[in-house]
Amino acid sequence: MEYANILVRQEQGVGIVQFNRPKALNALNREMMAEVMHALEQFDADPGIGCLLVTGNERAFAAGADIKEMAQATPVDMLNNPFIDYWDRLRRLAKPLVAAVSGFALGGGCEFAMACDMIVASESAQFGQPEINLGVIPGAGGTQRLTRAVGKALAMEMILADRRLNADEAVRYGLANRVVPVESYLDEAIRFAVTIAAQAPVAARLAKEAINAAFETSLQAGLAHERRLFYLLFSTEDQKEGMDAFVNKRRAAWQGR
């Protein structure tokens, strides 16, 4: 498929999708989100890809949703618009998903980054949910994922008072994994993703599933779910290979089955 708003490539088992609307600070519109999800879902179905990565450019990961598309919308227009559904499709991706964030990650851009599994932030990264300034609230998971990541008090301040988090604060409050220099943030994020892509594929997918379940279930239900997935992995060839490799002090050769 030819893409007009994104750039796509593969590197060492990592499927990389880059927002490419620099003049609009990578504002997320319907057309670009459709392309992003098509590319990510293709990578998710590719057995040669072990990890997914989404990035923007040094100036902006994504500075929000394209407000021009919704400024005059009615509730029915928004209900019939598949735009926010793309964030639900992000959540359904089975493989680990890393966001490499530099510059602005605001509004829908922050919600996109939070819908990923891990965030590598450059020193210039800024995270925020400024929708209150437009007379609305976050609608693609911002009130929910942000609160779970940073806690109620800080989420209230970010959403009600347009508090922005810089990269160091994002790591301190649990929103991002690490901070790296702007000039090397993408290379570092790719190295990070390559490490994840090299893990046993089925185990990586089930580990992601188990961790996400921790945010959506009680502790008892989460423990039971984890245990079922743990036992299930003993039916895979990779479990036999991984344990044999450990016992015999050699490098495991994963088959993804």
Protein backbone atom coordinates (compact mmCIF):
# COMPACT_ATOMS: atom_id res chain seq x y z
CA MET A 1 0.00 0.00 0.00
CA GLU A 2 1.21 3.51 -0.84
CA TYR A 3 1.03 5.91 2.11
CA ALA A 4 0.64 9.69 1.86
CA ASN A 5 0.99 10.62 5.55
CA ILE A 6 3.42 8.12 7.07
CA LEU A 7 6.77 6.50 6.39
CA VAL A 8 7.19 2.77 6.96
CA ARG A 9 10.24 0.52 7.22
CA GLN A 10 11.58 -2.59 8.95
CA GLU A 11 14.80 -2.92 10.92
CA GLN A 12 16.06 -6.06 12.69
CA GLY A 13 12.62 -7.48 13.39
CA VAL A 14 11.08 -4.10 14.26
CA GLY A 15 8.23 -2.61 12.20
CA ILE A 16 8.64 1.18 12.22
CA VAL A 17 5.86 3.65 11.42
CA GLN A 18 6.68 7.37 11.31
CA PHE A 19 4.09 10.15 11.27
CA ASN A 20 4.86 12.37 8.28
CA ARG A 21 2.80 15.56 8.42
CA PRO A 22 5.59 17.90 9.57
CA LYS A 23 3.88 21.14 8.50
CA ALA A 24 0.93 20.25 10.74
CA LEU A 25 3.18 19.07 13.60
CA ASN A 26 1.93 15.55 12.80
CA ALA A 27 -1.62 16.41 13.84
CA LEU A 28 -3.64 13.20 13.76
CA ASN A 29 -6.41 13.23 11.18
CA ARG A 30 -8.60 10.41 9.92
CA GLU A 31 -6.54 9.77 6.81
CA MET A 32 -3.25 9.48 8.70
CA MET A 33 -4.71 7.31 11.48
CA ALA A 34 -6.18 4.95 8.87
CA GLU A 35 -2.73 4.60 7.30
CA VAL A 36 -1.01 4.18 10.68
CA MET A 37 -3.35 1.41 11.75
CA HIS A 38 -3.13 -0.35 8.39
CA ALA A 39 0.68 -0.37 8.64
CA LEU A 40 0.73 -1.45 12.29
CA GLU A 41 -1.78 -4.24 11.73
CA GLN A 42 0.24 -5.49 8.76
CA PHE A 43 3.35 -5.60 10.94
CA ASP A 44 1.38 -7.24 13.75
CA ALA A 45 0.43 -10.06 11.37
CA ASP A 46 3.97 -10.46 10.00
CA PRO A 47 5.82 -13.38 11.67
CA GLY A 48 9.14 -11.71 10.86
CA ILE A 49 8.29 -8.73 13.08
CA GLY A 50 8.67 -9.03 16.84
CA CYS A 51 8.08 -5.46 17.99
CA LEU A 52 6.33 -2.36 16.65
CA LEU A 53 7.58 1.23 16.92
CA VAL A 54 5.80 4.52 16.21
CA THR A 55 7.53 7.89 16.04
CA GLY A 56 7.18 11.41 14.68
CA ASN A 57 10.06 13.82 14.18
CA GLU A 58 12.33 15.79 16.50
CA ARG A 59 9.91 18.73 16.73
CA ALA A 60 6.70 16.78 17.30
CA PHE A 61 5.56 13.26 17.93
CA ALA A 62 2.00 14.46 17.34
CA ALA A 63 0.71 17.83 18.52
CA GLY A 64 -2.86 16.61 18.85
CA ALA A 65 -5.84 15.74 16.72
CA ASP A 66 -6.65 17.80 13.65
CA ILE A 67 -9.14 20.25 15.18
CA LYS A 68 -10.30 21.48 11.77
CA GLU A 69 -11.88 18.07 11.17
CA MET A 70 -14.10 18.30 14.26
CA ALA A 71 -14.63 22.00 14.94
CA GLN A 72 -18.20 22.03 13.56
CA ALA A 73 -19.09 18.40 14.34
CA THR A 74 -22.31 17.36 16.05
CA PRO A 75 -22.55 14.50 18.59
CA VAL A 76 -23.92 12.26 15.84
CA ASP A 77 -21.04 13.23 13.56
CA MET A 78 -18.59 12.20 16.27
CA LEU A 79 -20.50 9.00 17.00
CA ASN A 80 -20.38 8.01 13.33
CA ASN A 81 -16.75 9.05 12.91
CA PRO A 82 -14.37 6.06 13.22
CA PHE A 83 -11.53 8.34 14.38
CA ILE A 84 -11.48 7.47 18.09
CA ASP A 85 -12.00 3.79 17.25
CA TYR A 86 -8.42 3.75 15.97
CA TRP A 87 -7.21 3.98 19.59
CA ASP A 88 -9.22 0.83 20.36
CA ARG A 89 -7.47 -0.89 17.47
CA LEU A 90 -4.12 0.19 18.93
CA ARG A 91 -5.03 -1.59 22.14
CA ARG A 92 -5.81 -4.79 20.23
CA LEU A 93 -2.34 -5.07 18.66
CA ALA A 94 -0.81 -8.28 19.99
CA LYS A 95 2.88 -7.46 19.68
CA PRO A 96 4.73 -5.02 21.97
CA LEU A 97 4.43 -1.41 20.77
CA VAL A 98 7.01 1.29 21.55
CA ALA A 99 6.49 5.03 21.09
CA ALA A 100 9.59 7.12 20.35
CA VAL A 101 8.56 10.63 21.41
CA SER A 102 10.35 13.90 20.73
CA GLY A 103 8.86 17.37 21.02
CA PHE A 104 5.13 17.76 21.38
CA ALA A 105 2.92 14.83 22.40
CA LEU A 106 -0.28 16.70 23.15
CA GLY A 107 -3.94 15.80 23.16
CA GLY A 108 -4.50 12.90 20.81
CA GLY A 109 -0.73 12.62 20.41
CA CYS A 110 -0.31 12.05 24.14
CA GLU A 111 -3.22 9.59 24.07
CA PHE A 112 -1.56 7.74 21.21
CA ALA A 113 1.73 7.49 23.09
CA MET A 114 -0.07 6.28 26.23
CA ALA A 115 -1.88 3.62 24.20
CA CYS A 116 1.53 2.19 23.33
CA ASP A 117 3.19 -0.25 25.72
CA MET A 118 6.40 1.71 26.36
CA ILE A 119 7.68 5.22 25.69
CA VAL A 120 11.23 6.32 24.91
CA ALA A 121 11.33 10.12 25.26
CA SER A 122 13.84 12.59 23.93
CA GLU A 123 14.97 15.41 26.21
CA SER A 124 12.63 17.79 24.35
CA ALA A 125 9.49 15.71 24.82
CA GLN A 126 6.41 17.41 26.26
CA PHE A 127 3.33 15.46 27.29
CA GLY A 128 -0.03 17.13 27.86
CA GLN A 129 -3.81 16.98 27.53
CA PRO A 130 -4.83 20.57 26.70
CA GLU A 131 -8.36 19.78 25.45
CA ILE A 132 -9.88 21.90 28.25
CA ASN A 133 -8.66 24.97 26.32
CA LEU A 134 -10.97 23.93 23.45
CA GLY A 135 -13.99 23.42 25.67
CA VAL A 136 -13.82 19.63 25.64
CA ILE A 137 -12.03 16.82 27.48
CA PRO A 138 -9.76 14.02 26.23
CA GLY A 139 -11.83 11.48 24.32
CA ALA A 140 -9.37 8.79 23.25
CA GLY A 141 -8.38 7.49 26.66
CA GLY A 142 -6.64 10.50 28.16
CA THR A 143 -8.62 10.71 31.39
CA GLN A 144 -8.27 6.97 31.97
CA ARG A 145 -4.72 6.06 30.89
CA LEU A 146 -3.17 9.24 32.26
CA THR A 147 -4.77 8.73 35.68
CA ARG A 148 -3.57 5.12 35.79
CA ALA A 149 -0.05 6.21 34.82
CA VAL A 150 0.53 9.30 36.99
CA GLY A 151 -2.21 9.20 39.64
CA LYS A 152 -5.37 11.20 40.23
CA ALA A 153 -3.91 14.47 41.51
CA LEU A 154 -1.45 15.01 38.67
CA ALA A 155 -3.95 13.84 36.05
CA MET A 156 -6.43 16.40 37.38
CA GLU A 157 -3.81 19.13 37.10
CA MET A 158 -2.78 18.13 33.58
CA ILE A 159 -6.34 17.89 32.29
CA LEU A 160 -7.93 20.81 34.17
CA ALA A 161 -5.00 23.26 34.24
CA ASP A 162 -3.07 22.24 31.11
CA ARG A 163 -0.02 21.14 33.10
CA ARG A 164 2.64 19.74 30.76
CA LEU A 165 5.18 17.09 31.73
CA ASN A 166 8.69 17.31 30.38
CA ALA A 167 10.66 14.15 29.63
CA ASP A 168 12.29 13.86 33.06
CA GLU A 169 8.93 14.32 34.79
CA ALA A 170 7.32 11.75 32.48
CA VAL A 171 9.87 9.17 33.63
CA ARG A 172 9.61 10.23 37.27
CA TYR A 173 5.83 9.86 37.31
CA GLY A 174 5.77 6.57 35.39
CA LEU A 175 4.54 7.81 32.02
CA ALA A 176 7.75 7.06 30.08
CA ASN A 177 10.51 4.48 30.32
CA ARG A 178 13.62 6.55 29.69
CA VAL A 179 15.00 9.88 28.49
CA VAL A 180 17.70 10.14 25.81
CA PRO A 181 19.27 13.06 23.91
CA VAL A 182 17.23 14.45 21.03
CA GLU A 183 19.89 13.58 18.47
CA SER A 184 19.85 9.90 19.42
CA TYR A 185 16.29 9.29 20.68
CA LEU A 186 15.13 7.36 17.63
CA ASP A 187 18.26 5.21 17.43
CA GLU A 188 17.93 4.40 21.13
CA ALA A 189 14.23 3.59 20.74
CA ILE A 190 15.00 1.26 17.84
CA ARG A 191 17.72 -0.48 19.87
CA PHE A 192 15.21 -0.88 22.68
CA ALA A 193 12.64 -2.32 20.28
CA VAL A 194 15.22 -4.65 18.71
CA THR A 195 15.93 -6.10 22.17
CA ILE A 196 12.22 -6.80 22.64
CA ALA A 197 11.84 -8.18 19.10
CA ALA A 198 14.58 -10.73 19.85
CA GLN A 199 12.58 -12.34 22.69
CA ALA A 200 10.47 -15.49 22.34
CA PRO A 201 7.53 -14.20 20.25
CA VAL A 202 4.65 -16.07 21.88
CA ALA A 203 5.94 -15.36 25.39
CA ALA A 204 6.32 -11.66 24.57
CA ARG A 205 2.74 -11.44 23.31
CA LEU A 206 1.33 -13.23 26.36
CA ALA A 207 3.47 -11.16 28.73
CA LYS A 208 1.98 -8.00 27.21
CA GLU A 209 -1.51 -9.46 27.60
CA ALA A 210 -0.91 -10.34 31.25
CA ILE A 211 0.51 -6.93 32.14
CA ASN A 212 -2.38 -5.12 30.47
CA ALA A 213 -4.82 -7.31 32.40
CA ALA A 214 -3.38 -5.90 35.63
CA PHE A 215 -5.01 -2.55 34.81
CA GLU A 216 -8.41 -4.02 34.06
CA THR A 217 -9.02 -6.79 36.62
CA SER A 218 -8.84 -7.48 40.33
CA LEU A 219 -5.60 -8.90 41.71
CA GLN A 220 -7.18 -12.34 42.10
CA ALA A 221 -8.48 -12.38 38.52
CA GLY A 222 -5.16 -11.06 37.23
CA LEU A 223 -3.21 -13.77 39.05
CA ALA A 224 -5.49 -16.46 37.65
CA HIS A 225 -5.10 -15.06 34.13
CA GLU A 226 -1.33 -14.90 34.49
CA ARG A 227 -1.21 -18.50 35.66
CA ARG A 228 -3.26 -19.73 32.71
CA LEU A 229 -0.94 -17.97 30.28
CA PHE A 230 2.13 -19.32 32.11
CA TYR A 231 0.85 -22.89 31.84
CA LEU A 232 -0.14 -22.35 28.20
CA LEU A 233 3.44 -21.47 27.27
CA PHE A 234 4.51 -24.99 28.24
CA SER A 235 2.74 -26.17 25.09
CA THR A 236 5.12 -24.13 22.87
CA GLU A 237 8.27 -25.27 21.14
CA ASP A 238 9.94 -22.06 22.30
CA GLN A 239 9.52 -23.05 25.96
CA LYS A 240 11.29 -26.34 25.32
CA GLU A 241 13.97 -24.57 23.29
CA GLY A 242 14.50 -21.81 25.84
CA MET A 243 14.87 -24.13 28.80
CA ASP A 244 17.09 -26.55 26.90
CA ALA A 245 19.28 -23.64 25.80
CA PHE A 246 19.54 -22.48 29.41
CA VAL A 247 20.45 -25.94 30.70
CA ASN A 248 23.04 -26.45 27.97
CA LYS A 249 24.43 -22.90 28.16
CA ARG A 250 23.73 -21.94 24.57
CA ARG A 251 21.76 -19.21 22.82
CA ALA A 252 18.11 -20.03 22.20
CA ALA A 253 16.78 -20.07 18.62
CA TRP A 254 13.17 -18.96 18.82
CA GLN A 255 10.66 -20.30 16.30
CA GLY A 256 7.55 -18.41 17.41
CA ARG A 257 5.54 -21.57 17.98
